[in-house]
N, C-alpha and C. Protein backbone atom coordinates (compact mmCIF):
# COMPACT_ATOMS: atom_id res chain seq x y z
N MET A 1 19.61 28.59 -20.58
CA MET A 1 19.96 27.40 -19.82
C MET A 1 21.48 27.31 -19.73
N SER A 2 21.93 26.86 -18.59
CA SER A 2 23.37 26.73 -18.43
C SER A 2 23.89 25.55 -19.26
N GLN A 3 25.17 25.56 -19.51
CA GLN A 3 25.79 24.52 -20.32
C GLN A 3 25.68 23.15 -19.63
N ALA A 4 25.78 23.12 -18.30
CA ALA A 4 25.69 21.85 -17.56
C ALA A 4 24.31 21.23 -17.72
N ARG A 5 23.25 22.06 -17.68
CA ARG A 5 21.88 21.55 -17.86
C ARG A 5 21.68 20.99 -19.26
N VAL A 6 22.20 21.68 -20.25
CA VAL A 6 22.06 21.23 -21.63
C VAL A 6 22.75 19.87 -21.80
N ILE A 7 23.95 19.74 -21.26
CA ILE A 7 24.69 18.48 -21.36
C ILE A 7 23.92 17.37 -20.65
N LEU A 8 23.37 17.67 -19.47
CA LEU A 8 22.61 16.66 -18.72
C LEU A 8 21.38 16.22 -19.51
N LEU A 9 20.63 17.17 -20.06
CA LEU A 9 19.43 16.83 -20.83
C LEU A 9 19.77 16.02 -22.08
N VAL A 10 20.82 16.40 -22.78
CA VAL A 10 21.23 15.66 -23.98
C VAL A 10 21.66 14.24 -23.59
N SER A 11 22.39 14.11 -22.48
CA SER A 11 22.84 12.79 -22.02
C SER A 11 21.65 11.91 -21.66
N LEU A 12 20.69 12.47 -20.94
CA LEU A 12 19.50 11.70 -20.57
C LEU A 12 18.71 11.29 -21.79
N PHE A 13 18.55 12.19 -22.74
CA PHE A 13 17.81 11.87 -23.96
C PHE A 13 18.52 10.76 -24.75
N THR A 14 19.83 10.87 -24.88
CA THR A 14 20.60 9.86 -25.59
C THR A 14 20.51 8.51 -24.89
N PHE A 15 20.60 8.51 -23.56
CA PHE A 15 20.50 7.28 -22.79
C PHE A 15 19.12 6.64 -22.97
N SER A 16 18.07 7.47 -22.97
CA SER A 16 16.71 6.92 -23.12
C SER A 16 16.51 6.31 -24.50
N LEU A 17 17.18 6.84 -25.52
CA LEU A 17 17.06 6.25 -26.86
C LEU A 17 17.77 4.90 -26.92
N ALA A 18 18.81 4.73 -26.10
CA ALA A 18 19.57 3.49 -26.12
C ALA A 18 18.85 2.34 -25.41
N LEU A 19 17.92 2.68 -24.51
CA LEU A 19 17.19 1.63 -23.79
C LEU A 19 16.13 1.01 -24.69
N PRO A 20 15.92 -0.29 -24.58
CA PRO A 20 14.82 -0.91 -25.32
C PRO A 20 13.50 -0.39 -24.77
N THR A 21 12.55 -0.12 -25.65
CA THR A 21 11.28 0.46 -25.22
C THR A 21 10.46 -0.52 -24.40
N GLY A 22 10.65 -1.79 -24.57
CA GLY A 22 9.90 -2.78 -23.80
C GLY A 22 10.22 -2.69 -22.32
N HIS A 23 11.48 -2.37 -21.98
CA HIS A 23 11.87 -2.25 -20.58
C HIS A 23 11.20 -1.04 -19.95
N LEU A 24 11.10 0.06 -20.69
CA LEU A 24 10.47 1.26 -20.16
C LEU A 24 8.98 1.02 -19.93
N ALA A 25 8.33 0.37 -20.87
CA ALA A 25 6.89 0.10 -20.73
C ALA A 25 6.65 -0.85 -19.57
N ALA A 26 7.49 -1.86 -19.42
CA ALA A 26 7.33 -2.82 -18.33
C ALA A 26 7.56 -2.14 -16.99
N ALA A 27 8.55 -1.26 -16.90
CA ALA A 27 8.81 -0.56 -15.65
C ALA A 27 7.66 0.37 -15.29
N ALA A 28 7.10 1.06 -16.27
CA ALA A 28 5.97 1.94 -16.01
C ALA A 28 4.75 1.15 -15.57
N GLN A 29 4.51 0.00 -16.19
CA GLN A 29 3.35 -0.80 -15.83
C GLN A 29 3.50 -1.38 -14.43
N SER A 30 4.70 -1.86 -14.08
CA SER A 30 4.89 -2.46 -12.76
C SER A 30 4.80 -1.42 -11.65
N ALA A 31 5.10 -0.16 -11.96
CA ALA A 31 5.00 0.88 -10.94
C ALA A 31 3.54 1.21 -10.62
N GLN A 32 2.64 0.97 -11.56
CA GLN A 32 1.24 1.31 -11.34
C GLN A 32 0.53 0.30 -10.46
N ALA A 33 0.66 -0.96 -10.74
CA ALA A 33 -0.05 -1.98 -9.97
C ALA A 33 0.75 -3.27 -10.01
N PRO A 34 0.74 -3.99 -8.89
CA PRO A 34 1.46 -5.26 -8.89
C PRO A 34 0.75 -6.28 -9.78
N PRO A 35 1.50 -7.21 -10.36
CA PRO A 35 0.89 -8.19 -11.24
C PRO A 35 0.03 -9.17 -10.45
N PRO A 36 -1.03 -9.70 -11.05
CA PRO A 36 -1.85 -10.68 -10.35
C PRO A 36 -1.05 -11.94 -10.04
N VAL A 37 -1.21 -12.44 -8.84
CA VAL A 37 -0.56 -13.67 -8.42
C VAL A 37 -1.65 -14.58 -7.87
N ASP A 38 -1.81 -15.74 -8.48
CA ASP A 38 -2.84 -16.67 -8.06
C ASP A 38 -2.29 -17.55 -6.94
N MET A 39 -2.62 -17.21 -5.68
CA MET A 39 -2.13 -18.00 -4.55
C MET A 39 -2.86 -19.34 -4.49
N LYS A 40 -4.16 -19.34 -4.70
CA LYS A 40 -4.92 -20.58 -4.75
C LYS A 40 -6.31 -20.24 -5.28
N LYS A 41 -6.72 -20.89 -6.32
CA LYS A 41 -7.96 -20.51 -6.97
C LYS A 41 -9.20 -20.69 -6.10
N ASN A 42 -9.28 -21.80 -5.37
CA ASN A 42 -10.51 -22.09 -4.63
C ASN A 42 -10.40 -21.85 -3.14
N MET A 43 -9.36 -21.17 -2.68
CA MET A 43 -9.20 -20.93 -1.26
C MET A 43 -9.98 -19.68 -0.87
N LYS A 44 -10.97 -19.83 -0.02
CA LYS A 44 -11.73 -18.67 0.45
C LYS A 44 -10.85 -17.90 1.42
N THR A 45 -10.67 -16.63 1.14
CA THR A 45 -9.84 -15.76 1.97
C THR A 45 -10.71 -14.64 2.50
N VAL A 46 -10.64 -14.42 3.81
CA VAL A 46 -11.39 -13.34 4.45
C VAL A 46 -10.41 -12.24 4.84
N LEU A 47 -10.72 -11.02 4.43
CA LEU A 47 -9.93 -9.84 4.79
C LEU A 47 -10.69 -9.12 5.89
N VAL A 48 -10.18 -9.17 7.12
CA VAL A 48 -10.86 -8.57 8.26
C VAL A 48 -10.50 -7.09 8.33
N LEU A 49 -11.46 -6.25 7.97
CA LEU A 49 -11.29 -4.80 8.04
C LEU A 49 -12.24 -4.28 9.11
N SER A 50 -11.76 -4.27 10.34
CA SER A 50 -12.60 -3.88 11.48
C SER A 50 -12.94 -2.40 11.40
N PRO A 51 -14.06 -2.00 12.04
CA PRO A 51 -14.38 -0.57 12.07
C PRO A 51 -13.25 0.25 12.71
N GLU A 52 -12.58 -0.32 13.71
CA GLU A 52 -11.47 0.37 14.34
C GLU A 52 -10.36 0.67 13.32
N PHE A 53 -10.03 -0.31 12.48
CA PHE A 53 -9.00 -0.13 11.46
C PHE A 53 -9.45 0.90 10.42
N CYS A 54 -10.68 0.74 9.90
CA CYS A 54 -11.15 1.60 8.81
C CYS A 54 -11.46 3.03 9.25
N GLU A 55 -11.65 3.25 10.53
CA GLU A 55 -11.95 4.60 11.03
C GLU A 55 -10.74 5.28 11.64
N THR A 56 -9.56 4.70 11.47
CA THR A 56 -8.34 5.27 12.04
C THR A 56 -8.01 6.59 11.37
N LYS A 57 -7.71 7.58 12.19
CA LYS A 57 -7.33 8.90 11.69
C LYS A 57 -6.04 9.31 12.39
N LYS A 58 -5.28 10.14 11.71
CA LYS A 58 -4.06 10.69 12.30
C LYS A 58 -4.18 12.20 12.24
N VAL A 59 -3.99 12.84 13.39
CA VAL A 59 -4.02 14.30 13.45
C VAL A 59 -2.58 14.77 13.62
N GLY A 60 -2.17 15.67 12.73
CA GLY A 60 -0.82 16.21 12.80
C GLY A 60 -0.77 17.61 12.22
N GLU A 61 -0.16 18.52 12.95
CA GLU A 61 -0.03 19.91 12.50
C GLU A 61 -1.39 20.52 12.16
N GLY A 62 -2.42 20.16 12.92
CA GLY A 62 -3.75 20.73 12.70
C GLY A 62 -4.49 20.11 11.52
N ARG A 63 -3.99 19.03 10.97
CA ARG A 63 -4.62 18.37 9.82
C ARG A 63 -5.08 16.98 10.25
N THR A 64 -6.17 16.49 9.65
CA THR A 64 -6.66 15.16 9.96
C THR A 64 -6.52 14.30 8.71
N PHE A 65 -5.81 13.19 8.86
CA PHE A 65 -5.58 12.26 7.75
C PHE A 65 -6.47 11.03 7.98
N ASP A 66 -7.39 10.77 7.06
CA ASP A 66 -8.28 9.60 7.14
C ASP A 66 -7.56 8.38 6.56
N VAL A 67 -6.55 7.92 7.27
CA VAL A 67 -5.73 6.83 6.74
C VAL A 67 -6.46 5.49 6.74
N GLY A 68 -7.33 5.26 7.70
CA GLY A 68 -8.08 4.02 7.75
C GLY A 68 -9.05 3.88 6.60
N TYR A 69 -9.80 4.95 6.32
CA TYR A 69 -10.76 4.94 5.23
C TYR A 69 -10.06 4.68 3.89
N GLU A 70 -8.98 5.40 3.65
CA GLU A 70 -8.25 5.23 2.39
C GLU A 70 -7.64 3.83 2.30
N SER A 71 -7.06 3.35 3.40
CA SER A 71 -6.41 2.03 3.39
C SER A 71 -7.41 0.91 3.15
N CYS A 72 -8.57 0.98 3.79
CA CYS A 72 -9.57 -0.09 3.62
C CYS A 72 -9.98 -0.25 2.16
N ASP A 73 -10.29 0.85 1.52
CA ASP A 73 -10.71 0.78 0.11
C ASP A 73 -9.60 0.23 -0.78
N LEU A 74 -8.40 0.73 -0.60
CA LEU A 74 -7.30 0.32 -1.48
C LEU A 74 -6.82 -1.10 -1.21
N LEU A 75 -6.87 -1.54 0.04
CA LEU A 75 -6.47 -2.92 0.35
C LEU A 75 -7.43 -3.93 -0.28
N LYS A 76 -8.72 -3.64 -0.24
CA LYS A 76 -9.70 -4.54 -0.86
C LYS A 76 -9.38 -4.73 -2.35
N ILE A 77 -9.10 -3.64 -3.01
CA ILE A 77 -8.82 -3.69 -4.45
C ILE A 77 -7.49 -4.41 -4.72
N ALA A 78 -6.45 -4.04 -3.99
CA ALA A 78 -5.11 -4.59 -4.25
C ALA A 78 -5.03 -6.08 -3.94
N LEU A 79 -5.66 -6.53 -2.87
CA LEU A 79 -5.53 -7.93 -2.48
C LEU A 79 -6.33 -8.86 -3.37
N LYS A 80 -7.26 -8.33 -4.16
CA LYS A 80 -7.96 -9.18 -5.14
C LYS A 80 -6.99 -9.66 -6.22
N ASN A 81 -5.84 -8.98 -6.37
CA ASN A 81 -4.80 -9.42 -7.31
C ASN A 81 -4.06 -10.65 -6.80
N VAL A 82 -4.10 -10.90 -5.50
CA VAL A 82 -3.39 -12.03 -4.92
C VAL A 82 -4.34 -13.17 -4.60
N PHE A 83 -5.48 -12.85 -4.02
CA PHE A 83 -6.43 -13.86 -3.58
C PHE A 83 -7.70 -13.74 -4.41
N LEU A 84 -7.97 -14.76 -5.22
CA LEU A 84 -9.09 -14.70 -6.15
C LEU A 84 -10.44 -14.72 -5.45
N ASP A 85 -10.56 -15.44 -4.34
CA ASP A 85 -11.82 -15.53 -3.61
C ASP A 85 -11.68 -14.75 -2.31
N LEU A 86 -11.65 -13.41 -2.43
CA LEU A 86 -11.44 -12.54 -1.27
C LEU A 86 -12.77 -11.96 -0.82
N ALA A 87 -13.07 -12.11 0.47
CA ALA A 87 -14.30 -11.56 1.03
C ALA A 87 -13.96 -10.64 2.20
N PRO A 88 -14.25 -9.34 2.07
CA PRO A 88 -14.02 -8.44 3.19
C PRO A 88 -15.06 -8.69 4.29
N ALA A 89 -14.65 -8.53 5.55
CA ALA A 89 -15.55 -8.69 6.68
C ALA A 89 -15.11 -7.75 7.81
N GLU A 90 -16.04 -7.39 8.69
CA GLU A 90 -15.71 -6.52 9.82
C GLU A 90 -15.13 -7.30 10.99
N THR A 91 -15.45 -8.58 11.09
CA THR A 91 -14.93 -9.42 12.18
C THR A 91 -14.40 -10.72 11.60
N ALA A 92 -13.53 -11.35 12.35
CA ALA A 92 -12.96 -12.63 11.91
C ALA A 92 -14.04 -13.71 11.94
N PRO A 93 -14.08 -14.56 10.93
CA PRO A 93 -15.07 -15.64 10.92
C PRO A 93 -14.69 -16.74 11.91
N PRO A 94 -15.64 -17.58 12.27
CA PRO A 94 -15.30 -18.71 13.17
C PRO A 94 -14.34 -19.68 12.48
N PRO A 95 -13.49 -20.35 13.25
CA PRO A 95 -12.56 -21.31 12.65
C PRO A 95 -13.29 -22.36 11.81
N GLY A 96 -12.67 -22.73 10.69
CA GLY A 96 -13.23 -23.74 9.81
C GLY A 96 -14.11 -23.20 8.70
N THR A 97 -14.35 -21.88 8.67
CA THR A 97 -15.23 -21.32 7.64
C THR A 97 -14.49 -20.63 6.51
N ALA A 98 -13.18 -20.38 6.68
CA ALA A 98 -12.39 -19.73 5.63
C ALA A 98 -11.03 -20.42 5.56
N GLY A 99 -10.49 -20.53 4.36
CA GLY A 99 -9.18 -21.14 4.20
C GLY A 99 -8.08 -20.29 4.80
N LEU A 100 -8.22 -18.97 4.72
CA LEU A 100 -7.20 -18.04 5.21
C LEU A 100 -7.90 -16.77 5.69
N VAL A 101 -7.46 -16.26 6.84
CA VAL A 101 -8.00 -15.01 7.39
C VAL A 101 -6.86 -14.02 7.51
N LEU A 102 -6.98 -12.89 6.82
CA LEU A 102 -5.97 -11.83 6.85
C LEU A 102 -6.46 -10.66 7.69
N THR A 103 -5.65 -10.23 8.65
CA THR A 103 -6.06 -9.14 9.52
C THR A 103 -4.95 -8.09 9.59
N PRO A 104 -5.22 -6.87 9.11
CA PRO A 104 -4.24 -5.79 9.26
C PRO A 104 -4.49 -5.02 10.56
N ARG A 105 -3.42 -4.44 11.10
CA ARG A 105 -3.53 -3.63 12.32
C ARG A 105 -2.49 -2.51 12.21
N PHE A 106 -2.96 -1.27 12.39
CA PHE A 106 -2.00 -0.16 12.38
C PHE A 106 -1.12 -0.25 13.62
N VAL A 107 0.19 -0.27 13.40
CA VAL A 107 1.15 -0.29 14.50
C VAL A 107 1.60 1.14 14.79
N GLU A 108 1.80 1.90 13.72
CA GLU A 108 2.24 3.28 13.88
C GLU A 108 1.81 4.11 12.67
N ILE A 109 1.46 5.34 12.95
CA ILE A 109 1.15 6.31 11.90
C ILE A 109 1.91 7.57 12.27
N SER A 110 2.79 8.00 11.38
CA SER A 110 3.63 9.17 11.67
C SER A 110 3.42 10.24 10.62
N PHE A 111 3.35 11.46 11.09
CA PHE A 111 3.30 12.62 10.20
C PHE A 111 4.59 13.39 10.44
N LEU A 112 5.40 13.49 9.40
CA LEU A 112 6.71 14.13 9.54
C LEU A 112 6.74 15.43 8.75
N LEU A 113 7.18 16.46 9.41
CA LEU A 113 7.36 17.76 8.77
C LEU A 113 8.73 18.27 9.19
N PRO A 114 9.77 17.88 8.43
CA PRO A 114 11.13 18.26 8.81
C PRO A 114 11.31 19.77 8.85
N ASN A 115 12.21 20.22 9.72
CA ASN A 115 12.50 21.66 9.82
C ASN A 115 13.01 22.19 8.49
N PHE A 116 12.58 23.37 8.15
CA PHE A 116 13.00 24.07 6.94
C PHE A 116 12.68 23.29 5.67
N SER A 117 11.62 22.53 5.69
CA SER A 117 11.24 21.75 4.52
C SER A 117 9.85 22.17 4.06
N ILE A 118 9.62 22.12 2.76
CA ILE A 118 8.29 22.40 2.23
C ILE A 118 7.56 21.11 1.91
N LYS A 119 8.19 19.98 2.21
CA LYS A 119 7.55 18.66 1.99
C LYS A 119 7.23 18.03 3.32
N ARG A 120 6.11 17.34 3.35
CA ARG A 120 5.75 16.57 4.53
C ARG A 120 5.60 15.12 4.13
N GLU A 121 5.70 14.23 5.12
CA GLU A 121 5.64 12.81 4.84
C GLU A 121 4.66 12.14 5.80
N LEU A 122 3.87 11.23 5.26
CA LEU A 122 2.96 10.43 6.05
C LEU A 122 3.44 8.98 5.95
N VAL A 123 3.68 8.35 7.11
CA VAL A 123 4.20 6.98 7.15
C VAL A 123 3.17 6.10 7.87
N LEU A 124 2.78 5.01 7.21
CA LEU A 124 1.84 4.05 7.78
C LEU A 124 2.56 2.72 7.98
N ILE A 125 2.49 2.17 9.18
CA ILE A 125 3.08 0.86 9.46
C ILE A 125 1.96 -0.06 9.92
N VAL A 126 1.79 -1.17 9.20
CA VAL A 126 0.72 -2.12 9.47
C VAL A 126 1.32 -3.49 9.74
N GLU A 127 0.77 -4.16 10.74
CA GLU A 127 1.15 -5.54 11.01
C GLU A 127 0.06 -6.45 10.44
N TRP A 128 0.47 -7.37 9.60
CA TRP A 128 -0.45 -8.34 8.99
C TRP A 128 -0.36 -9.66 9.72
N THR A 129 -1.51 -10.26 9.99
CA THR A 129 -1.58 -11.60 10.55
C THR A 129 -2.41 -12.44 9.61
N ALA A 130 -1.90 -13.60 9.24
CA ALA A 130 -2.65 -14.56 8.41
C ALA A 130 -2.84 -15.82 9.23
N LYS A 131 -4.10 -16.26 9.34
CA LYS A 131 -4.41 -17.48 10.09
C LYS A 131 -5.09 -18.48 9.17
N ASP A 132 -4.82 -19.77 9.42
CA ASP A 132 -5.45 -20.82 8.61
C ASP A 132 -6.85 -21.13 9.16
N ASP A 133 -7.50 -22.12 8.56
CA ASP A 133 -8.88 -22.41 8.93
C ASP A 133 -9.03 -22.95 10.36
N SER A 134 -7.94 -23.37 10.99
CA SER A 134 -8.02 -23.83 12.38
C SER A 134 -7.72 -22.70 13.36
N GLY A 135 -7.38 -21.52 12.86
CA GLY A 135 -7.06 -20.38 13.72
C GLY A 135 -5.59 -20.26 14.06
N ARG A 136 -4.76 -21.09 13.46
CA ARG A 136 -3.31 -21.08 13.71
C ARG A 136 -2.67 -19.99 12.84
N THR A 137 -1.79 -19.18 13.44
CA THR A 137 -1.08 -18.13 12.70
C THR A 137 -0.07 -18.78 11.77
N VAL A 138 -0.18 -18.48 10.47
CA VAL A 138 0.74 -19.04 9.49
C VAL A 138 1.70 -17.99 8.92
N TRP A 139 1.38 -16.71 9.16
CA TRP A 139 2.22 -15.64 8.61
C TRP A 139 2.00 -14.38 9.42
N LEU A 140 3.08 -13.68 9.74
CA LEU A 140 3.03 -12.42 10.47
C LEU A 140 4.08 -11.51 9.84
N GLN A 141 3.65 -10.34 9.38
CA GLN A 141 4.59 -9.46 8.67
C GLN A 141 4.23 -8.01 8.93
N THR A 142 5.22 -7.17 9.04
CA THR A 142 5.02 -5.73 9.17
C THR A 142 5.37 -5.08 7.83
N VAL A 143 4.48 -4.19 7.39
CA VAL A 143 4.66 -3.51 6.10
C VAL A 143 4.54 -2.00 6.32
N GLN A 144 5.41 -1.26 5.65
CA GLN A 144 5.40 0.21 5.77
C GLN A 144 5.06 0.84 4.43
N GLY A 145 4.13 1.77 4.46
CA GLY A 145 3.81 2.57 3.28
C GLY A 145 4.01 4.03 3.62
N SER A 146 4.42 4.82 2.64
CA SER A 146 4.64 6.24 2.92
C SER A 146 4.43 7.06 1.66
N ALA A 147 4.26 8.35 1.87
CA ALA A 147 4.12 9.28 0.75
C ALA A 147 4.55 10.67 1.23
N LYS A 148 5.03 11.46 0.28
CA LYS A 148 5.45 12.83 0.56
C LYS A 148 4.72 13.76 -0.40
N ASN A 149 4.40 14.96 0.07
CA ASN A 149 3.94 16.00 -0.83
C ASN A 149 4.23 17.37 -0.23
N ARG A 150 4.01 18.39 -1.04
CA ARG A 150 4.31 19.76 -0.64
C ARG A 150 3.20 20.28 0.27
N ILE A 151 3.57 21.23 1.09
CA ILE A 151 2.60 21.90 1.94
C ILE A 151 1.86 22.91 1.07
N GLY A 152 0.54 22.86 1.12
CA GLY A 152 -0.29 23.74 0.29
C GLY A 152 -0.40 25.14 0.85
N GLY A 153 -0.95 26.03 0.03
CA GLY A 153 -1.09 27.41 0.46
C GLY A 153 -2.50 27.77 0.85
N SER A 154 -3.47 27.60 -0.05
CA SER A 154 -4.85 27.97 0.26
C SER A 154 -5.51 26.89 1.10
N ASN A 155 -6.57 27.26 1.81
CA ASN A 155 -7.24 26.30 2.69
C ASN A 155 -7.86 25.15 1.90
N SER A 156 -8.53 25.44 0.78
CA SER A 156 -9.14 24.37 -0.01
C SER A 156 -8.07 23.50 -0.66
N GLY A 157 -6.99 24.11 -1.11
CA GLY A 157 -5.89 23.34 -1.68
C GLY A 157 -5.21 22.49 -0.63
N GLU A 158 -5.13 23.00 0.59
CA GLU A 158 -4.51 22.26 1.69
C GLU A 158 -5.33 21.01 2.01
N LEU A 159 -6.66 21.14 2.04
CA LEU A 159 -7.51 19.98 2.32
C LEU A 159 -7.35 18.92 1.24
N ARG A 160 -7.24 19.35 -0.01
CA ARG A 160 -7.04 18.42 -1.11
C ARG A 160 -5.69 17.72 -0.97
N ASN A 161 -4.65 18.47 -0.61
CA ASN A 161 -3.31 17.89 -0.43
C ASN A 161 -3.29 16.87 0.70
N VAL A 162 -4.04 17.13 1.78
CA VAL A 162 -4.10 16.20 2.90
C VAL A 162 -4.73 14.89 2.44
N LYS A 163 -5.82 14.98 1.67
CA LYS A 163 -6.49 13.77 1.16
C LYS A 163 -5.57 13.02 0.19
N LEU A 164 -4.89 13.75 -0.69
CA LEU A 164 -3.98 13.10 -1.64
C LEU A 164 -2.80 12.43 -0.93
N LEU A 165 -2.32 13.04 0.14
CA LEU A 165 -1.22 12.45 0.88
C LEU A 165 -1.67 11.14 1.55
N ALA A 166 -2.86 11.15 2.14
CA ALA A 166 -3.40 9.93 2.77
C ALA A 166 -3.63 8.85 1.72
N GLN A 167 -4.16 9.21 0.56
CA GLN A 167 -4.38 8.24 -0.52
C GLN A 167 -3.07 7.65 -1.01
N ALA A 168 -2.07 8.49 -1.20
CA ALA A 168 -0.79 8.02 -1.73
C ALA A 168 -0.10 7.09 -0.73
N ALA A 169 -0.14 7.42 0.56
CA ALA A 169 0.47 6.55 1.57
C ALA A 169 -0.27 5.22 1.64
N ALA A 170 -1.60 5.26 1.56
CA ALA A 170 -2.41 4.03 1.60
C ALA A 170 -2.15 3.18 0.36
N GLN A 171 -1.99 3.81 -0.80
CA GLN A 171 -1.70 3.07 -2.03
C GLN A 171 -0.33 2.40 -1.95
N ASP A 172 0.64 3.12 -1.41
CA ASP A 172 1.98 2.54 -1.23
C ASP A 172 1.91 1.35 -0.26
N LEU A 173 1.14 1.50 0.81
CA LEU A 173 0.96 0.41 1.77
C LEU A 173 0.31 -0.80 1.11
N ALA A 174 -0.73 -0.56 0.31
CA ALA A 174 -1.42 -1.66 -0.37
C ALA A 174 -0.49 -2.38 -1.35
N ASN A 175 0.25 -1.63 -2.13
CA ASN A 175 1.18 -2.25 -3.10
C ASN A 175 2.26 -3.07 -2.40
N LYS A 176 2.82 -2.52 -1.32
CA LYS A 176 3.86 -3.24 -0.60
C LYS A 176 3.30 -4.47 0.12
N SER A 177 2.06 -4.38 0.60
CA SER A 177 1.42 -5.53 1.23
C SER A 177 1.24 -6.66 0.23
N VAL A 178 0.78 -6.32 -0.96
CA VAL A 178 0.61 -7.32 -2.03
C VAL A 178 1.95 -7.96 -2.35
N GLY A 179 2.99 -7.15 -2.46
CA GLY A 179 4.32 -7.68 -2.76
C GLY A 179 4.81 -8.64 -1.69
N GLU A 180 4.62 -8.27 -0.43
CA GLU A 180 5.05 -9.13 0.68
C GLU A 180 4.28 -10.45 0.69
N MET A 181 2.98 -10.37 0.45
CA MET A 181 2.16 -11.59 0.46
C MET A 181 2.51 -12.50 -0.71
N ALA A 182 2.69 -11.91 -1.87
CA ALA A 182 3.01 -12.71 -3.06
C ALA A 182 4.39 -13.37 -2.93
N ALA A 183 5.31 -12.71 -2.23
CA ALA A 183 6.66 -13.24 -2.11
C ALA A 183 6.85 -14.13 -0.88
N SER A 184 5.85 -14.23 -0.04
CA SER A 184 5.98 -14.97 1.21
C SER A 184 6.04 -16.48 0.98
N PRO A 185 7.15 -17.12 1.39
CA PRO A 185 7.22 -18.58 1.25
C PRO A 185 6.17 -19.29 2.10
N GLU A 186 5.83 -18.71 3.27
CA GLU A 186 4.81 -19.31 4.14
C GLU A 186 3.45 -19.34 3.46
N LEU A 187 3.07 -18.24 2.84
CA LEU A 187 1.78 -18.20 2.16
C LEU A 187 1.80 -19.04 0.89
N GLN A 188 2.94 -19.11 0.22
CA GLN A 188 3.03 -19.95 -0.97
C GLN A 188 2.92 -21.42 -0.59
N LYS A 189 3.56 -21.84 0.49
CA LYS A 189 3.43 -23.23 0.94
C LYS A 189 2.00 -23.52 1.37
N PHE A 190 1.41 -22.57 2.08
CA PHE A 190 0.06 -22.74 2.57
C PHE A 190 -0.95 -22.85 1.45
N SER A 191 -0.70 -22.17 0.35
CA SER A 191 -1.68 -22.13 -0.73
C SER A 191 -1.61 -23.34 -1.65
N ARG A 192 -0.65 -24.21 -1.49
CA ARG A 192 -0.53 -25.37 -2.37
C ARG A 192 -1.48 -26.46 -2.00
């Protein structure tokens, strides 16, 4: 090993010993899943996951990314951390039957493969609309999720990498959506 690498490794090790371990554990935990945020205990919330949204696919460089399928599953799980009474549905309910109706819509899905790069990136952009029980829009937000991974070599490994890339981008989208909703002053005012 070169002298510069040894110095860098020793510096990093020394720095990590100086940090309190509670901060490292908290940072690792927050990176895995957002903390539960109780927007309103008894507010019925409907998550509209239309077949069009859940069946969305992106074809790029001869690969098919099932971004809708991955996003639907992960959004259901992630949003239960924010809304305690969350009910997924394929269509929006009639006005007056739910306290809040959340509807995601893919605005853009991009597959990026930069020149001379062995990494590719999948970017998902979703527009969220939240409506109250009278059908009035109370919140509108665009959220972007993305993930990068290496281009695989074998055909079976390539298929696995495509699925993992779609899952990672959908997970990033779900986490960022939860963060935006939990931090939204409009939704916080609405939930009181």
